[in-house]
Amino acid sequence: MTITRTLVRGVGGYLPERVLTNKELESKIDTTHEWIVQRTGIEQRHVAAEGQYTSDLAAKAAQRALDSANMTIADIDLIILATTTPDLTFPATAAIVQQKLGMKHGVAFDLQAVCSGFVYAITMADSYLKNSLGKRALVIGAETTTRLLDWEDRTTCVLFGDGAGAVVVEAVELADDDADQGILASRLRSDGNQWDKLHTDGGVSTTGTTGYIRMQGREVFKHAVGMITDVVKGVLDDAGYTAKDLDWFVPHQANRRIIDGAGKKAGIDPKKVVITVDKHANTSAASVPMALNEAVKDGRIKPGDLVMLEAMGGGFTWGASLIRWTG
């Protein structure tokens, strides 16, 4: 007997060159470096250049993931791009990335689940490949979130940055006794009753504008820790593991206090938590794959490691995915 597993074959990331530090923000808004670090853990963020779009960031991260996997775009059947900041209302930014990578076959589409987007997208790719609709997929999280910021609102403008991360995944038939590889279990959730806790105050069918990010910070924090812990524990139960079995926890990089609180409640050793929020800030759907890429590139995550991905975002949306690393 065999079982189909979706294995990670390569990872990649990209950050715009422009770095915006907390000290620089001090000259623009009523805030201090110390205030931002104390409440969020963020020290700096990257900002896309004028004329640099989400598709540009996504294509660069995707190409690096392909290089990491020793593959070309000809090997890919599916592109899923998780983003809240598309280049255009339509077509899907994934289709523009498809064009920029020179891919003329297969299928490409966007997925919108805000900060949970990458976890949603890798789960969708897993299902797609396991159902024999393709062999390999590029899963990308890419954002130019700073273009949704009200730079006079110090409660939100200090939190976000731009960037992209990507993985190449492949469906492989494994013998039952060799099945503990790749994506082992995932859970996704949403609760539209909480939409107003984290949202933009504009949209195509309401204001005809993109709007600005608006957030009820205390409410988000109150819900985040419990929601994250529930899906993490649920995924571990589904796969037959406990928090002590984890080698690495790669959470959404929204706020250091949320990361610390969720990790503690889930019983995860702080030494096993990947943190990039200090350097990248909250890059929404890009934050998990960017953190994953950094931990792989610096040698922390190695083949055979048990890795938990987790995210929560506006909607509310939240989810987790457990991976036995093979990339």
C-alpha atoms as a PDB file:
ATOM      1  CA  MET A   1       0.000   0.000   0.000  1.00  0.00           C
ATOM      2  CA  THR A   2       1.090   3.565  -0.708  1.00  0.00           C
ATOM      3  CA  ILE A   3      -0.019   7.015   0.387  1.00  0.00           C
ATOM      4  CA  THR A   4       0.288  10.365  -1.396  1.00  0.00           C
ATOM      5  CA  ARG A   5       2.157  13.052   0.514  1.00  0.00           C
ATOM      6  CA  THR A   6       2.944  16.620  -0.495  1.00  0.00           C
ATOM      7  CA  LEU A   7       6.644  17.257   0.113  1.00  0.00           C
ATOM      8  CA  VAL A   8       8.414  20.606   0.261  1.00  0.00           C
ATOM      9  CA  ARG A   9      11.179  20.704  -2.327  1.00  0.00           C
ATOM     10  CA  GLY A  10      12.436  24.285  -2.105  1.00  0.00           C
ATOM     11  CA  VAL A  11      11.978  27.653  -0.406  1.00  0.00           C
ATOM     12  CA  GLY A  12      12.667  31.248  -1.353  1.00  0.00           C
ATOM     13  CA  GLY A  13      12.147  34.771  -0.094  1.00  0.00           C
ATOM     14  CA  TYR A  14      12.515  38.374  -1.165  1.00  0.00           C
ATOM     15  CA  LEU A  15      12.621  41.691   0.698  1.00  0.00           C
ATOM     16  CA  PRO A  16      12.590  45.143  -0.920  1.00  0.00           C
ATOM     17  CA  GLU A  17      15.795  47.110  -0.484  1.00  0.00           C
ATOM     18  CA  ARG A  18      14.281  50.054   1.394  1.00  0.00           C
ATOM     19  CA  VAL A  19      14.464  49.637   5.175  1.00  0.00           C
ATOM     20  CA  LEU A  20      12.276  51.841   7.375  1.00  0.00           C
ATOM     21  CA  THR A  21      13.472  51.881  10.981  1.00  0.00           C
ATOM     22  CA  ASN A  22      11.568  52.831  14.101  1.00  0.00           C
ATOM     23  CA  LYS A  23      13.931  55.761  14.546  1.00  0.00           C
ATOM     24  CA  GLU A  24      12.893  57.106  11.160  1.00  0.00           C
ATOM     25  CA  LEU A  25       9.237  56.747  12.108  1.00  0.00           C
ATOM     26  CA  GLU A  26       9.885  58.864  15.198  1.00  0.00           C
ATOM     27  CA  SER A  27      10.343  61.858  12.899  1.00  0.00           C
ATOM     28  CA  LYS A  28       7.041  61.208  11.107  1.00  0.00           C
ATOM     29  CA  ILE A  29       4.546  60.275  13.840  1.00  0.00           C
ATOM     30  CA  ASP A  30       4.090  60.555  17.601  1.00  0.00           C
ATOM     31  CA  THR A  31       5.930  57.403  18.642  1.00  0.00           C
ATOM     32  CA  THR A  32       9.296  56.146  19.870  1.00  0.00           C
ATOM     33  CA  HIS A  33      11.509  53.188  19.076  1.00  0.00           C
ATOM     34  CA  GLU A  34      11.095  51.970  22.648  1.00  0.00           C
ATOM     35  CA  TRP A  35       7.274  52.196  22.521  1.00  0.00           C
ATOM     36  CA  ILE A  36       7.110  50.144  19.306  1.00  0.00           C
ATOM     37  CA  VAL A  37       9.554  47.478  20.500  1.00  0.00           C
ATOM     38  CA  GLN A  38       7.897  47.110  23.886  1.00  0.00           C
ATOM     39  CA  ARG A  39       4.436  46.564  22.404  1.00  0.00           C
ATOM     40  CA  THR A  40       5.268  44.666  19.217  1.00  0.00           C
ATOM     41  CA  GLY A  41       8.903  43.518  19.107  1.00  0.00           C
ATOM     42  CA  ILE A  42       9.336  45.318  15.767  1.00  0.00           C
ATOM     43  CA  GLU A  43      12.537  47.278  15.103  1.00  0.00           C
ATOM     44  CA  GLN A  44      12.316  47.825  11.349  1.00  0.00           C
ATOM     45  CA  ARG A  45      10.385  46.881   8.217  1.00  0.00           C
ATOM     46  CA  HIS A  46      11.027  46.809   4.446  1.00  0.00           C
ATOM     47  CA  VAL A  47       9.052  48.994   2.035  1.00  0.00           C
ATOM     48  CA  ALA A  48       8.557  48.350  -1.679  1.00  0.00           C
ATOM     49  CA  ALA A  49       9.956  50.982  -4.026  1.00  0.00           C
ATOM     50  CA  GLU A  50       7.777  53.179  -6.200  1.00  0.00           C
ATOM     51  CA  GLY A  51       6.836  51.124  -9.263  1.00  0.00           C
ATOM     52  CA  GLN A  52       7.627  47.848  -7.478  1.00  0.00           C
ATOM     53  CA  TYR A  53       4.492  45.711  -7.248  1.00  0.00           C
ATOM     54  CA  THR A  54       3.326  42.655  -5.350  1.00  0.00           C
ATOM     55  CA  SER A  55       3.859  40.560  -8.497  1.00  0.00           C
ATOM     56  CA  ASP A  56       7.499  41.693  -8.641  1.00  0.00           C
ATOM     57  CA  LEU A  57       8.156  40.573  -5.072  1.00  0.00           C
ATOM     58  CA  ALA A  58       6.259  37.316  -5.644  1.00  0.00           C
ATOM     59  CA  ALA A  59       8.134  36.479  -8.843  1.00  0.00           C
ATOM     60  CA  LYS A  60      11.532  37.007  -7.188  1.00  0.00           C
ATOM     61  CA  ALA A  61      10.645  34.806  -4.203  1.00  0.00           C
ATOM     62  CA  ALA A  62       9.168  32.178  -6.518  1.00  0.00           C
ATOM     63  CA  GLN A  63      12.282  32.034  -8.699  1.00  0.00           C
ATOM     64  CA  ARG A  64      14.455  31.580  -5.623  1.00  0.00           C
ATOM     65  CA  ALA A  65      12.211  28.746  -4.451  1.00  0.00           C
ATOM     66  CA  LEU A  66      12.520  27.103  -7.870  1.00  0.00           C
ATOM     67  CA  ASP A  67      16.303  27.467  -7.733  1.00  0.00           C
ATOM     68  CA  SER A  68      16.316  25.953  -4.244  1.00  0.00           C
ATOM     69  CA  ALA A  69      14.309  22.984  -5.548  1.00  0.00           C
ATOM     70  CA  ASN A  70      16.581  22.602  -8.615  1.00  0.00           C
ATOM     71  CA  MET A  71      13.516  23.020 -10.824  1.00  0.00           C
ATOM     72  CA  THR A  72      12.347  25.368 -13.563  1.00  0.00           C
ATOM     73  CA  ILE A  73       8.932  26.877 -14.129  1.00  0.00           C
ATOM     74  CA  ALA A  74       8.314  24.115 -16.689  1.00  0.00           C
ATOM     75  CA  ASP A  75       8.092  21.672 -13.776  1.00  0.00           C
ATOM     76  CA  ILE A  76       5.206  23.551 -12.126  1.00  0.00           C
ATOM     77  CA  ASP A  77       1.511  22.800 -12.722  1.00  0.00           C
ATOM     78  CA  LEU A  78      -0.074  25.240 -10.262  1.00  0.00           C
ATOM     79  CA  ILE A  79       0.627  28.668  -8.792  1.00  0.00           C
ATOM     80  CA  ILE A  80      -1.318  29.846  -5.746  1.00  0.00           C
ATOM     81  CA  LEU A  81      -0.551  33.371  -4.620  1.00  0.00           C
ATOM     82  CA  ALA A  82      -1.776  34.405  -1.187  1.00  0.00           C
ATOM     83  CA  THR A  83      -2.105  38.188  -1.070  1.00  0.00           C
ATOM     84  CA  THR A  84      -4.254  41.020   0.252  1.00  0.00           C
ATOM     85  CA  THR A  85      -2.525  43.576  -1.962  1.00  0.00           C
ATOM     86  CA  PRO A  86      -2.973  42.511  -5.603  1.00  0.00           C
ATOM     87  CA  ASP A  87      -1.461  44.521  -8.422  1.00  0.00           C
ATOM     88  CA  LEU A  88      -4.905  45.066  -9.957  1.00  0.00           C
ATOM     89  CA  THR A  89      -8.506  44.311  -9.085  1.00  0.00           C
ATOM     90  CA  PHE A  90      -8.239  41.778 -11.897  1.00  0.00           C
ATOM     91  CA  PRO A  91      -6.693  39.714 -13.364  1.00  0.00           C
ATOM     92  CA  ALA A  92      -5.347  37.656 -10.489  1.00  0.00           C
ATOM     93  CA  THR A  93      -1.833  38.700  -9.544  1.00  0.00           C
ATOM     94  CA  ALA A  94      -0.888  35.020  -9.738  1.00  0.00           C
ATOM     95  CA  ALA A  95      -1.547  35.200 -13.481  1.00  0.00           C
ATOM     96  CA  ILE A  96       0.827  38.169 -13.741  1.00  0.00           C
ATOM     97  CA  VAL A  97       3.439  36.195 -11.797  1.00  0.00           C
ATOM     98  CA  GLN A  98       2.828  33.280 -14.167  1.00  0.00           C
ATOM     99  CA  GLN A  99       3.636  35.603 -17.077  1.00  0.00           C
ATOM    100  CA  LYS A 100       6.714  37.048 -15.369  1.00  0.00           C
ATOM    101  CA  LEU A 101       8.083  33.547 -14.750  1.00  0.00           C
ATOM    102  CA  GLY A 102       7.471  32.555 -18.387  1.00  0.00           C
ATOM    103  CA  MET A 103       4.857  29.895 -17.605  1.00  0.00           C
ATOM    104  CA  LYS A 104       2.313  29.273 -20.393  1.00  0.00           C
ATOM    105  CA  HIS A 105       0.714  26.094 -19.065  1.00  0.00           C
ATOM    106  CA  GLY A 106      -1.082  25.031 -15.897  1.00  0.00           C
ATOM    107  CA  VAL A 107      -3.238  27.205 -13.660  1.00  0.00           C
ATOM    108  CA  ALA A 108      -2.653  30.235 -11.451  1.00  0.00           C
ATOM    109  CA  PHE A 109      -4.958  31.997  -9.019  1.00  0.00           C
ATOM    110  CA  ASP A 110      -4.976  34.275  -5.984  1.00  0.00           C
ATOM    111  CA  LEU A 111      -6.175  33.324  -2.514  1.00  0.00           C
ATOM    112  CA  GLN A 112      -7.355  35.977  -0.042  1.00  0.00           C
ATOM    113  CA  ALA A 113      -7.328  35.067   3.637  1.00  0.00           C
ATOM    114  CA  VAL A 114      -5.283  38.070   4.797  1.00  0.00           C
ATOM    115  CA  CYS A 115      -2.475  37.071   7.197  1.00  0.00           C
ATOM    116  CA  SER A 116      -3.564  33.404   7.146  1.00  0.00           C
ATOM    117  CA  GLY A 117      -3.261  33.339   3.364  1.00  0.00           C
ATOM    118  CA  PHE A 118      -0.103  31.262   3.041  1.00  0.00           C
ATOM    119  CA  VAL A 119      -1.312  28.566   5.444  1.00  0.00           C
ATOM    120  CA  TYR A 120      -4.603  28.462   3.526  1.00  0.00           C
ATOM    121  CA  ALA A 121      -2.720  28.328   0.219  1.00  0.00           C
ATOM    122  CA  ILE A 122      -0.351  25.495   1.133  1.00  0.00           C
ATOM    123  CA  THR A 123      -3.339  23.525   2.429  1.00  0.00           C
ATOM    124  CA  MET A 124      -5.181  24.118  -0.856  1.00  0.00           C
ATOM    125  CA  ALA A 125      -2.116  23.041  -2.835  1.00  0.00           C
ATOM    126  CA  ASP A 126      -1.837  19.901  -0.721  1.00  0.00           C
ATOM    127  CA  SER A 127      -5.443  18.991  -1.499  1.00  0.00           C
ATOM    128  CA  TYR A 128      -5.058  19.834  -5.203  1.00  0.00           C
ATOM    129  CA  LEU A 129      -1.994  17.647  -5.624  1.00  0.00           C
ATOM    130  CA  LYS A 130      -3.322  14.768  -3.544  1.00  0.00           C
ATOM    131  CA  ASN A 131      -6.343  14.668  -5.839  1.00  0.00           C
ATOM    132  CA  SER A 132      -4.044  14.132  -8.851  1.00  0.00           C
ATOM    133  CA  LEU A 133      -4.875  17.510 -10.421  1.00  0.00           C
ATOM    134  CA  GLY A 134      -1.197  18.300 -10.727  1.00  0.00           C
ATOM    135  CA  LYS A 135       2.254  17.118  -9.679  1.00  0.00           C
ATOM    136  CA  ARG A 136       4.020  20.243  -8.431  1.00  0.00           C
ATOM    137  CA  ALA A 137       2.949  23.665  -7.177  1.00  0.00           C
ATOM    138  CA  LEU A 138       4.418  27.041  -6.357  1.00  0.00           C
ATOM    139  CA  VAL A 139       2.818  28.451  -3.211  1.00  0.00           C
ATOM    140  CA  ILE A 140       3.584  32.122  -2.649  1.00  0.00           C
ATOM    141  CA  GLY A 141       2.759  34.715  -0.014  1.00  0.00           C
ATOM    142  CA  ALA A 142       3.475  38.255  -1.192  1.00  0.00           C
ATOM    143  CA  GLU A 143       2.389  41.676   0.055  1.00  0.00           C
ATOM    144  CA  THR A 144       2.905  45.402  -0.376  1.00  0.00           C
ATOM    145  CA  THR A 145       0.961  46.017   2.827  1.00  0.00           C
ATOM    146  CA  THR A 146       2.511  49.433   3.446  1.00  0.00           C
ATOM    147  CA  ARG A 147       0.262  50.744   0.659  1.00  0.00           C
ATOM    148  CA  LEU A 148      -2.758  50.083   2.865  1.00  0.00           C
ATOM    149  CA  LEU A 149      -1.438  52.153   5.765  1.00  0.00           C
ATOM    150  CA  ASP A 150      -2.660  55.422   7.177  1.00  0.00           C
ATOM    151  CA  TRP A 151       0.671  56.954   8.113  1.00  0.00           C
ATOM    152  CA  GLU A 152      -1.047  59.224  10.638  1.00  0.00           C
ATOM    153  CA  ASP A 153      -2.426  56.247  12.600  1.00  0.00           C
ATOM    154  CA  ARG A 154       0.410  55.225  14.898  1.00  0.00           C
ATOM    155  CA  THR A 155      -1.514  52.159  16.123  1.00  0.00           C
ATOM    156  CA  THR A 156      -1.289  50.486  12.710  1.00  0.00           C
ATOM    157  CA  CYS A 157       1.391  52.133  10.559  1.00  0.00           C
ATOM    158  CA  VAL A 158       4.226  50.872  12.766  1.00  0.00           C
ATOM    159  CA  LEU A 159       3.118  47.247  12.437  1.00  0.00           C
ATOM    160  CA  PHE A 160       3.446  46.350   8.761  1.00  0.00           C
ATOM    161  CA  GLY A 161       6.042  45.791   6.076  1.00  0.00           C
ATOM    162  CA  ASP A 162       6.423  44.422   2.534  1.00  0.00           C
ATOM    163  CA  GLY A 163       7.958  41.191   1.259  1.00  0.00           C
ATOM    164  CA  ALA A 164       7.391  37.770  -0.285  1.00  0.00           C
ATOM    165  CA  GLY A 165       8.111  34.117   0.419  1.00  0.00           C
ATOM    166  CA  ALA A 166       7.488  30.955  -1.569  1.00  0.00           C
ATOM    167  CA  VAL A 167       7.762  27.180  -1.498  1.00  0.00           C
ATOM    168  CA  VAL A 168       7.788  24.505  -4.174  1.00  0.00           C
ATOM    169  CA  VAL A 169       5.772  21.424  -3.214  1.00  0.00           C
ATOM    170  CA  GLU A 170       5.485  18.065  -4.979  1.00  0.00           C
ATOM    171  CA  ALA A 171       3.100  15.119  -4.639  1.00  0.00           C
ATOM    172  CA  VAL A 172       4.953  11.847  -4.053  1.00  0.00           C
ATOM    173  CA  GLU A 173       3.728   8.272  -3.590  1.00  0.00           C
ATOM    174  CA  LEU A 174       5.237   6.777  -0.430  1.00  0.00           C
ATOM    175  CA  ALA A 175       5.045   3.372   1.171  1.00  0.00           C
ATOM    176  CA  ASP A 176       2.952   3.268   4.348  1.00  0.00           C
ATOM    177  CA  ASP A 177       6.021   2.731   6.498  1.00  0.00           C
ATOM    178  CA  ASP A 178       7.673   5.805   4.922  1.00  0.00           C
ATOM    179  CA  ALA A 179       4.625   8.094   5.099  1.00  0.00           C
ATOM    180  CA  ASP A 180       5.863  10.406   7.866  1.00  0.00           C
ATOM    181  CA  GLN A 181       7.045  13.010   5.369  1.00  0.00           C
ATOM    182  CA  GLY A 182       5.738  16.247   3.937  1.00  0.00           C
ATOM    183  CA  ILE A 183       2.445  17.849   4.950  1.00  0.00           C
ATOM    184  CA  LEU A 184       1.002  15.601   7.650  1.00  0.00           C
ATOM    185  CA  ALA A 185      -2.081  17.521   8.779  1.00  0.00           C
ATOM    186  CA  SER A 186      -3.722  20.948   8.478  1.00  0.00           C
ATOM    187  CA  ARG A 187      -6.680  22.801   9.940  1.00  0.00           C
ATOM    188  CA  LEU A 188      -8.309  26.003   8.669  1.00  0.00           C
ATOM    189  CA  ARG A 189     -10.911  28.168  10.402  1.00  0.00           C
ATOM    190  CA  SER A 190     -12.729  31.456   9.946  1.00  0.00           C
ATOM    191  CA  ASP A 191     -15.271  33.546  11.851  1.00  0.00           C
ATOM    192  CA  GLY A 192     -16.904  36.336   9.865  1.00  0.00           C
ATOM    193  CA  ASN A 193     -18.625  37.621  12.992  1.00  0.00           C
ATOM    194  CA  GLN A 194     -15.289  39.200  13.916  1.00  0.00           C
ATOM    195  CA  TRP A 195     -14.672  40.975  10.593  1.00  0.00           C
ATOM    196  CA  ASP A 196     -14.693  44.477  12.054  1.00  0.00           C
ATOM    197  CA  LYS A 197     -11.861  43.753  14.503  1.00  0.00           C
ATOM    198  CA  LEU A 198      -9.288  43.916  11.685  1.00  0.00           C
ATOM    199  CA  HIS A 199     -10.267  45.272   8.274  1.00  0.00           C
ATOM    200  CA  THR A 200      -9.774  48.003   5.687  1.00  0.00           C
ATOM    201  CA  ASP A 201     -12.225  50.885   5.553  1.00  0.00           C
ATOM    202  CA  GLY A 202     -12.584  50.688   1.780  1.00  0.00           C
ATOM    203  CA  GLY A 203     -13.200  48.322  -1.106  1.00  0.00           C
ATOM    204  CA  VAL A 204     -14.289  48.010  -4.728  1.00  0.00           C
ATOM    205  CA  SER A 205     -18.032  47.649  -4.074  1.00  0.00           C
ATOM    206  CA  THR A 206     -18.226  50.041  -1.100  1.00  0.00           C
ATOM    207  CA  THR A 207     -16.000  53.090  -1.468  1.00  0.00           C
ATOM    208  CA  GLY A 208     -14.264  52.364  -4.754  1.00  0.00           C
ATOM    209  CA  THR A 209     -10.930  52.751  -2.960  1.00  0.00           C
ATOM    210  CA  THR A 210      -8.526  50.348  -1.284  1.00  0.00           C
ATOM    211  CA  GLY A 211      -9.042  51.941   2.119  1.00  0.00           C
ATOM    212  CA  TYR A 212      -6.716  51.875   5.116  1.00  0.00           C
ATOM    213  CA  ILE A 213      -6.068  49.138   7.650  1.00  0.00           C
ATOM    214  CA  ARG A 214      -8.119  49.593  10.819  1.00  0.00           C
ATOM    215  CA  MET A 215      -7.631  47.406  13.879  1.00  0.00           C
ATOM    216  CA  GLN A 216      -9.046  46.961  17.352  1.00  0.00           C
ATOM    217  CA  GLY A 217      -5.731  45.914  18.827  1.00  0.00           C
ATOM    218  CA  ARG A 218      -6.905  44.661  22.214  1.00  0.00           C
ATOM    219  CA  GLU A 219      -9.693  42.611  20.647  1.00  0.00           C
ATOM    220  CA  VAL A 220      -7.313  41.035  18.136  1.00  0.00           C
ATOM    221  CA  PHE A 221      -4.856  40.098  20.878  1.00  0.00           C
ATOM    222  CA  LYS A 222      -7.647  38.684  23.054  1.00  0.00           C
ATOM    223  CA  HIS A 223      -8.854  36.343  20.307  1.00  0.00           C
ATOM    224  CA  ALA A 224      -5.486  35.533  18.728  1.00  0.00           C
ATOM    225  CA  VAL A 225      -3.802  33.487  21.438  1.00  0.00           C
ATOM    226  CA  GLY A 226      -6.759  31.162  21.998  1.00  0.00           C
ATOM    227  CA  MET A 227      -7.529  30.679  18.301  1.00  0.00           C
ATOM    228  CA  ILE A 228      -3.911  29.931  17.431  1.00  0.00           C
ATOM    229  CA  THR A 229      -3.523  27.474  20.284  1.00  0.00           C
ATOM    230  CA  ASP A 230      -6.699  25.598  19.319  1.00  0.00           C
ATOM    231  CA  VAL A 231      -5.617  24.898  15.734  1.00  0.00           C
ATOM    232  CA  VAL A 232      -2.036  24.065  16.703  1.00  0.00           C
ATOM    233  CA  LYS A 233      -3.174  21.506  19.261  1.00  0.00           C
ATOM    234  CA  GLY A 234      -5.807  20.187  16.851  1.00  0.00           C
ATOM    235  CA  VAL A 235      -3.285  19.610  14.073  1.00  0.00           C
ATOM    236  CA  LEU A 236      -0.885  17.894  16.462  1.00  0.00           C
ATOM    237  CA  ASP A 237      -3.715  15.617  17.626  1.00  0.00           C
ATOM    238  CA  ASP A 238      -4.668  14.832  14.022  1.00  0.00           C
ATOM    239  CA  ALA A 239      -1.103  13.763  13.230  1.00  0.00           C
ATOM    240  CA  GLY A 240      -0.523  11.902  16.491  1.00  0.00           C
ATOM    241  CA  TYR A 241       2.096  14.246  17.953  1.00  0.00           C
ATOM    242  CA  THR A 242       2.452  16.622  20.910  1.00  0.00           C
ATOM    243  CA  ALA A 243       4.069  20.021  21.247  1.00  0.00           C
ATOM    244  CA  LYS A 244       7.159  18.376  22.717  1.00  0.00           C
ATOM    245  CA  ASP A 245       7.708  16.536  19.413  1.00  0.00           C
ATOM    246  CA  LEU A 246       8.057  19.770  17.452  1.00  0.00           C
ATOM    247  CA  ASP A 247      11.487  20.822  16.254  1.00  0.00           C
ATOM    248  CA  TRP A 248      10.349  24.256  15.041  1.00  0.00           C
ATOM    249  CA  PHE A 249       7.315  26.509  15.359  1.00  0.00           C
ATOM    250  CA  VAL A 250       6.983  29.049  12.514  1.00  0.00           C
ATOM    251  CA  PRO A 251       4.165  31.434  13.440  1.00  0.00           C
ATOM    252  CA  HIS A 252       2.694  34.411  11.657  1.00  0.00           C
ATOM    253  CA  GLN A 253       4.935  37.357  12.497  1.00  0.00           C
ATOM    254  CA  ALA A 254       2.351  39.889  13.656  1.00  0.00           C
ATOM    255  CA  ASN A 255       3.365  40.814  17.176  1.00  0.00           C
ATOM    256  CA  ARG A 256       6.005  39.374  19.495  1.00  0.00           C
ATOM    257  CA  ARG A 257       3.597  39.323  22.446  1.00  0.00           C
ATOM    258  CA  ILE A 258       1.058  37.259  20.486  1.00  0.00           C
ATOM    259  CA  ILE A 259       3.776  34.848  19.357  1.00  0.00           C
ATOM    260  CA  ASP A 260       5.093  34.436  22.892  1.00  0.00           C
ATOM    261  CA  GLY A 261       1.601  34.045  24.362  1.00  0.00           C
ATOM    262  CA  ALA A 262       0.478  31.447  21.835  1.00  0.00           C
ATOM    263  CA  GLY A 263       3.703  29.461  22.114  1.00  0.00           C
ATOM    264  CA  LYS A 264       3.495  29.383  25.899  1.00  0.00           C
ATOM    265  CA  LYS A 265      -0.162  28.333  25.923  1.00  0.00           C
ATOM    266  CA  ALA A 266       0.527  25.580  23.376  1.00  0.00           C
ATOM    267  CA  GLY A 267       3.446  24.284  25.459  1.00  0.00           C
ATOM    268  CA  ILE A 268       6.108  25.017  22.845  1.00  0.00           C
ATOM    269  CA  ASP A 269       9.707  25.583  23.971  1.00  0.00           C
ATOM    270  CA  PRO A 270      10.592  29.259  23.217  1.00  0.00           C
ATOM    271  CA  LYS A 271      13.924  28.091  21.773  1.00  0.00           C
ATOM    272  CA  LYS A 272      11.986  26.323  19.005  1.00  0.00           C
ATOM    273  CA  VAL A 273      10.111  29.449  17.858  1.00  0.00           C
ATOM    274  CA  VAL A 274      11.272  31.197  14.678  1.00  0.00           C
ATOM    275  CA  ILE A 275      11.124  34.981  15.099  1.00  0.00           C
ATOM    276  CA  THR A 276      11.534  37.494  12.265  1.00  0.00           C
ATOM    277  CA  VAL A 277       8.991  40.130  13.288  1.00  0.00           C
ATOM    278  CA  ASP A 278      11.806  42.311  14.659  1.00  0.00           C
ATOM    279  CA  LYS A 279      13.343  42.700  11.176  1.00  0.00           C
ATOM    280  CA  HIS A 280      10.359  42.301   8.848  1.00  0.00           C
ATOM    281  CA  ALA A 281       7.335  43.510  10.878  1.00  0.00           C
ATOM    282  CA  ASN A 282       3.969  42.054   9.875  1.00  0.00           C
ATOM    283  CA  THR A 283       4.063  41.189   6.177  1.00  0.00           C
ATOM    284  CA  SER A 284       0.611  39.567   6.254  1.00  0.00           C
ATOM    285  CA  ALA A 285       0.450  36.497   3.961  1.00  0.00           C
ATOM    286  CA  ALA A 286       4.199  36.742   3.290  1.00  0.00           C
ATOM    287  CA  SER A 287       5.286  36.462   6.921  1.00  0.00           C
ATOM    288  CA  VAL A 288       5.148  32.681   7.378  1.00  0.00           C
ATOM    289  CA  PRO A 289       7.001  31.720   4.162  1.00  0.00           C
ATOM    290  CA  MET A 290       9.563  34.488   4.749  1.00  0.00           C
ATOM    291  CA  ALA A 291      10.255  33.224   8.261  1.00  0.00           C
ATOM    292  CA  LEU A 292      10.356  29.656   6.970  1.00  0.00           C
ATOM    293  CA  ASN A 293      12.843  30.635   4.280  1.00  0.00           C
ATOM    294  CA  GLU A 294      15.107  32.377   6.782  1.00  0.00           C
ATOM    295  CA  ALA A 295      15.144  29.404   9.154  1.00  0.00           C
ATOM    296  CA  VAL A 296      15.928  26.993   6.307  1.00  0.00           C
ATOM    297  CA  LYS A 297      18.640  29.172   4.812  1.00  0.00           C
ATOM    298  CA  ASP A 298      20.448  29.691   8.117  1.00  0.00           C
ATOM    299  CA  GLY A 299      20.406  25.946   8.833  1.00  0.00           C
ATOM    300  CA  ARG A 300      17.974  25.824  11.723  1.00  0.00           C
ATOM    301  CA  ILE A 301      15.327  23.807   9.865  1.00  0.00           C
ATOM    302  CA  LYS A 302      16.841  20.606   8.480  1.00  0.00           C
ATOM    303  CA  PRO A 303      15.500  17.536   6.665  1.00  0.00           C
ATOM    304  CA  GLY A 304      13.640  15.331   9.108  1.00  0.00           C
ATOM    305  CA  ASP A 305      12.550  18.183  11.387  1.00  0.00           C
ATOM    306  CA  LEU A 306       8.917  18.440  12.468  1.00  0.00           C
ATOM    307  CA  VAL A 307       7.735  21.970  11.660  1.00  0.00           C
ATOM    308  CA  MET A 308       4.469  23.680  12.601  1.00  0.00           C
ATOM    309  CA  LEU A 309       3.233  26.630  10.530  1.00  0.00           C
ATOM    310  CA  GLU A 310       0.539  28.868  12.013  1.00  0.00           C
ATOM    311  CA  ALA A 311      -1.234  32.105  11.159  1.00  0.00           C
ATOM    312  CA  MET A 312      -4.198  34.290  12.059  1.00  0.00           C
ATOM    313  CA  GLY A 313      -5.589  37.258  10.179  1.00  0.00           C
ATOM    314  CA  GLY A 314      -8.546  39.486   9.472  1.00  0.00           C
ATOM    315  CA  GLY A 315     -11.857  37.822   8.914  1.00  0.00           C
ATOM    316  CA  PHE A 316     -11.032  36.374  11.418  1.00  0.00           C
ATOM    317  CA  THR A 317      -9.167  33.592   9.612  1.00  0.00           C
ATOM    318  CA  TRP A 318      -6.708  31.213  11.212  1.00  0.00           C
ATOM    319  CA  GLY A 319      -5.021  27.905  10.538  1.00  0.00           C
ATOM    320  CA  ALA A 320      -2.046  25.615  11.059  1.00  0.00           C
ATOM    321  CA  SER A 321      -0.133  23.021   9.064  1.00  0.00           C
ATOM    322  CA  LEU A 322       2.294  20.361  10.307  1.00  0.00           C
ATOM    323  CA  ILE A 323       5.168  19.400   8.014  1.00  0.00           C
ATOM    324  CA  ARG A 324       7.889  16.777   8.258  1.00  0.00           C
ATOM    325  CA  TRP A 325      10.601  18.736   6.488  1.00  0.00           C
ATOM    326  CA  THR A 326      12.193  17.311   3.360  1.00  0.00           C
ATOM    327  CA  GLY A 327      13.252  20.464   1.497  1.00  0.00           C
END
